[in-house]
Amino acid sequence: MSYSPQGRDVENAGFRCTRCGAGVAPHTAGSYRNHCPHCLWSRHVDELPGDRAAECGAPMEPVGVDYSGKKGYILLHRCTACGAQDRNKLAPDDDMDRVIELQRPR
């Protein structure tokens, strides 16, 4: 599958979260929004970052948090339908209580 990035105005659209129903505004910190800042869930829409080429469309559960020296804290997602995994940089307005919950041992 080829990578065909869309313009930032298309990538950075607001949306209604399919998990918690919250209205989510576009990201304002120079990146595009790829998960709900309230419940941290996402949707399986990309094959490659920003391409919106995935046909799955299923909810992606937040399953952990990682740290990258270049990008900072990274939210780990797993698709509830096909098992695909994705890494998304945390946004400044993400619910930090939920982020901390993901870091606790289970």
C-alpha atoms as a PDB file:
ATOM      1  CA  MET A   1       0.000   0.000   0.000  1.00  0.00           C
ATOM      2  CA  SER A   2       1.429   3.375  -0.925  1.00  0.00           C
ATOM      3  CA  TYR A   3       1.663   6.286   1.467  1.00  0.00           C
ATOM      4  CA  SER A   4      -0.376   9.280   0.402  1.00  0.00           C
ATOM      5  CA  PRO A   5      -0.417  11.883   3.177  1.00  0.00           C
ATOM      6  CA  GLN A   6      -3.325  14.270   3.389  1.00  0.00           C
ATOM      7  CA  GLY A   7      -3.011  17.942   4.199  1.00  0.00           C
ATOM      8  CA  ARG A   8      -2.752  18.842   7.869  1.00  0.00           C
ATOM      9  CA  ASP A   9      -6.193  20.498   7.755  1.00  0.00           C
ATOM     10  CA  VAL A  10      -7.765  17.150   6.729  1.00  0.00           C
ATOM     11  CA  GLU A  11      -5.665  15.051   9.145  1.00  0.00           C
ATOM     12  CA  ASN A  12      -6.311  17.410  12.034  1.00  0.00           C
ATOM     13  CA  ALA A  13     -10.098  17.293  11.985  1.00  0.00           C
ATOM     14  CA  GLY A  14     -12.194  17.153  15.124  1.00  0.00           C
ATOM     15  CA  PHE A  15     -14.302  14.049  15.735  1.00  0.00           C
ATOM     16  CA  ARG A  16     -16.758  12.382  18.106  1.00  0.00           C
ATOM     17  CA  CYS A  17     -15.135   9.585  20.130  1.00  0.00           C
ATOM     18  CA  THR A  18     -16.706   6.230  19.322  1.00  0.00           C
ATOM     19  CA  ARG A  19     -15.816   4.934  22.801  1.00  0.00           C
ATOM     20  CA  CYS A  20     -16.974   7.652  25.234  1.00  0.00           C
ATOM     21  CA  GLY A  21     -18.946   9.936  22.900  1.00  0.00           C
ATOM     22  CA  ALA A  22     -16.949  13.065  23.732  1.00  0.00           C
ATOM     23  CA  GLY A  23     -16.614  15.758  21.101  1.00  0.00           C
ATOM     24  CA  VAL A  24     -12.897  16.088  20.368  1.00  0.00           C
ATOM     25  CA  ALA A  25     -11.528  19.324  18.939  1.00  0.00           C
ATOM     26  CA  PRO A  26      -8.638  19.421  16.452  1.00  0.00           C
ATOM     27  CA  HIS A  27      -5.163  19.392  18.005  1.00  0.00           C
ATOM     28  CA  THR A  28      -3.658  22.881  18.320  1.00  0.00           C
ATOM     29  CA  ALA A  29      -0.016  22.037  19.118  1.00  0.00           C
ATOM     30  CA  GLY A  30       1.246  21.532  15.551  1.00  0.00           C
ATOM     31  CA  SER A  31       0.344  17.864  15.191  1.00  0.00           C
ATOM     32  CA  TYR A  32      -2.840  16.029  14.313  1.00  0.00           C
ATOM     33  CA  ARG A  33      -5.258  14.436  16.743  1.00  0.00           C
ATOM     34  CA  ASN A  34      -5.291  10.636  16.689  1.00  0.00           C
ATOM     35  CA  HIS A  35      -6.980   9.652  19.962  1.00  0.00           C
ATOM     36  CA  CYS A  36      -9.559  10.922  22.415  1.00  0.00           C
ATOM     37  CA  PRO A  37      -7.941  13.009  25.182  1.00  0.00           C
ATOM     38  CA  HIS A  38     -10.689  11.948  27.624  1.00  0.00           C
ATOM     39  CA  CYS A  39     -10.704   8.131  27.410  1.00  0.00           C
ATOM     40  CA  LEU A  40      -7.487   7.742  25.299  1.00  0.00           C
ATOM     41  CA  TRP A  41      -9.158   5.336  22.830  1.00  0.00           C
ATOM     42  CA  SER A  42      -8.503   5.670  19.119  1.00  0.00           C
ATOM     43  CA  ARG A  43      -9.800   4.148  15.856  1.00  0.00           C
ATOM     44  CA  HIS A  44      -7.897   1.984  13.423  1.00  0.00           C
ATOM     45  CA  VAL A  45      -7.781   4.419  10.481  1.00  0.00           C
ATOM     46  CA  ASP A  46      -4.082   4.480   9.454  1.00  0.00           C
ATOM     47  CA  GLU A  47      -1.787   1.937   7.837  1.00  0.00           C
ATOM     48  CA  LEU A  48       1.063   4.464   8.028  1.00  0.00           C
ATOM     49  CA  PRO A  49       0.874   7.579  10.214  1.00  0.00           C
ATOM     50  CA  GLY A  50      -1.620  10.058   8.771  1.00  0.00           C
ATOM     51  CA  ASP A  51      -2.538   8.119   5.608  1.00  0.00           C
ATOM     52  CA  ARG A  52      -6.109   7.233   6.731  1.00  0.00           C
ATOM     53  CA  ALA A  53      -5.798   4.101   4.537  1.00  0.00           C
ATOM     54  CA  ALA A  54      -6.887   1.384   7.010  1.00  0.00           C
ATOM     55  CA  GLU A  55     -10.201  -0.214   6.127  1.00  0.00           C
ATOM     56  CA  CYS A  56     -10.667  -1.772   9.573  1.00  0.00           C
ATOM     57  CA  GLY A  57     -12.048   1.287  11.410  1.00  0.00           C
ATOM     58  CA  ALA A  58     -12.463  -0.648  14.684  1.00  0.00           C
ATOM     59  CA  PRO A  59     -11.800   0.909  18.107  1.00  0.00           C
ATOM     60  CA  MET A  60      -8.208   0.802  19.347  1.00  0.00           C
ATOM     61  CA  GLU A  61      -7.791   0.256  23.071  1.00  0.00           C
ATOM     62  CA  PRO A  62      -5.053   2.098  24.965  1.00  0.00           C
ATOM     63  CA  VAL A  63      -2.914  -0.713  26.394  1.00  0.00           C
ATOM     64  CA  GLY A  64       0.201   0.979  27.713  1.00  0.00           C
ATOM     65  CA  VAL A  65       2.605   3.874  27.750  1.00  0.00           C
ATOM     66  CA  ASP A  66       6.194   3.912  26.509  1.00  0.00           C
ATOM     67  CA  TYR A  67       8.902   6.561  26.444  1.00  0.00           C
ATOM     68  CA  SER A  68      10.945   7.640  23.438  1.00  0.00           C
ATOM     69  CA  GLY A  69      13.910   9.978  23.814  1.00  0.00           C
ATOM     70  CA  LYS A  70      12.857  11.790  20.636  1.00  0.00           C
ATOM     71  CA  LYS A  71       9.077  11.991  21.059  1.00  0.00           C
ATOM     72  CA  GLY A  72       8.561  11.783  24.811  1.00  0.00           C
ATOM     73  CA  TYR A  73       5.708   9.681  26.191  1.00  0.00           C
ATOM     74  CA  ILE A  74       3.966   7.432  23.687  1.00  0.00           C
ATOM     75  CA  LEU A  75       0.485   5.919  24.038  1.00  0.00           C
ATOM     76  CA  LEU A  76       0.279   2.290  22.890  1.00  0.00           C
ATOM     77  CA  HIS A  77      -2.941   1.136  21.178  1.00  0.00           C
ATOM     78  CA  ARG A  78      -4.187  -2.295  20.073  1.00  0.00           C
ATOM     79  CA  CYS A  79      -7.049  -2.736  17.601  1.00  0.00           C
ATOM     80  CA  THR A  80      -9.980  -4.591  19.158  1.00  0.00           C
ATOM     81  CA  ALA A  81     -10.828  -6.282  15.826  1.00  0.00           C
ATOM     82  CA  CYS A  82      -7.622  -7.178  14.005  1.00  0.00           C
ATOM     83  CA  GLY A  83      -4.973  -6.812  16.726  1.00  0.00           C
ATOM     84  CA  ALA A  84      -2.906  -4.187  14.878  1.00  0.00           C
ATOM     85  CA  GLN A  85      -0.791  -2.087  17.202  1.00  0.00           C
ATOM     86  CA  ASP A  86       0.042   1.598  16.976  1.00  0.00           C
ATOM     87  CA  ARG A  87       2.111   4.173  18.869  1.00  0.00           C
ATOM     88  CA  ASN A  88       0.808   7.721  19.324  1.00  0.00           C
ATOM     89  CA  LYS A  89       2.500  10.633  21.031  1.00  0.00           C
ATOM     90  CA  LEU A  90       0.635  11.870  24.100  1.00  0.00           C
ATOM     91  CA  ALA A  91      -1.060  15.237  23.664  1.00  0.00           C
ATOM     92  CA  PRO A  92      -0.797  18.050  26.230  1.00  0.00           C
ATOM     93  CA  ASP A  93      -4.539  17.838  26.982  1.00  0.00           C
ATOM     94  CA  ASP A  94      -4.694  14.055  27.521  1.00  0.00           C
ATOM     95  CA  ASP A  95      -6.295  12.889  30.783  1.00  0.00           C
ATOM     96  CA  MET A  96      -3.154  12.243  32.831  1.00  0.00           C
ATOM     97  CA  ASP A  97      -5.033  10.202  35.458  1.00  0.00           C
ATOM     98  CA  ARG A  98      -5.880   7.679  32.715  1.00  0.00           C
ATOM     99  CA  VAL A  99      -2.295   7.770  31.429  1.00  0.00           C
ATOM    100  CA  ILE A 100      -1.042   6.969  34.943  1.00  0.00           C
ATOM    101  CA  GLU A 101      -3.560   4.098  35.214  1.00  0.00           C
ATOM    102  CA  LEU A 102      -2.066   2.544  32.076  1.00  0.00           C
ATOM    103  CA  GLN A 103       1.382   2.561  33.692  1.00  0.00           C
ATOM    104  CA  ARG A 104       0.318   0.657  36.808  1.00  0.00           C
ATOM    105  CA  PRO A 105       1.196  -3.034  36.967  1.00  0.00           C
ATOM    106  CA  ARG A 106      -1.791  -5.307  36.315  1.00  0.00           C
END
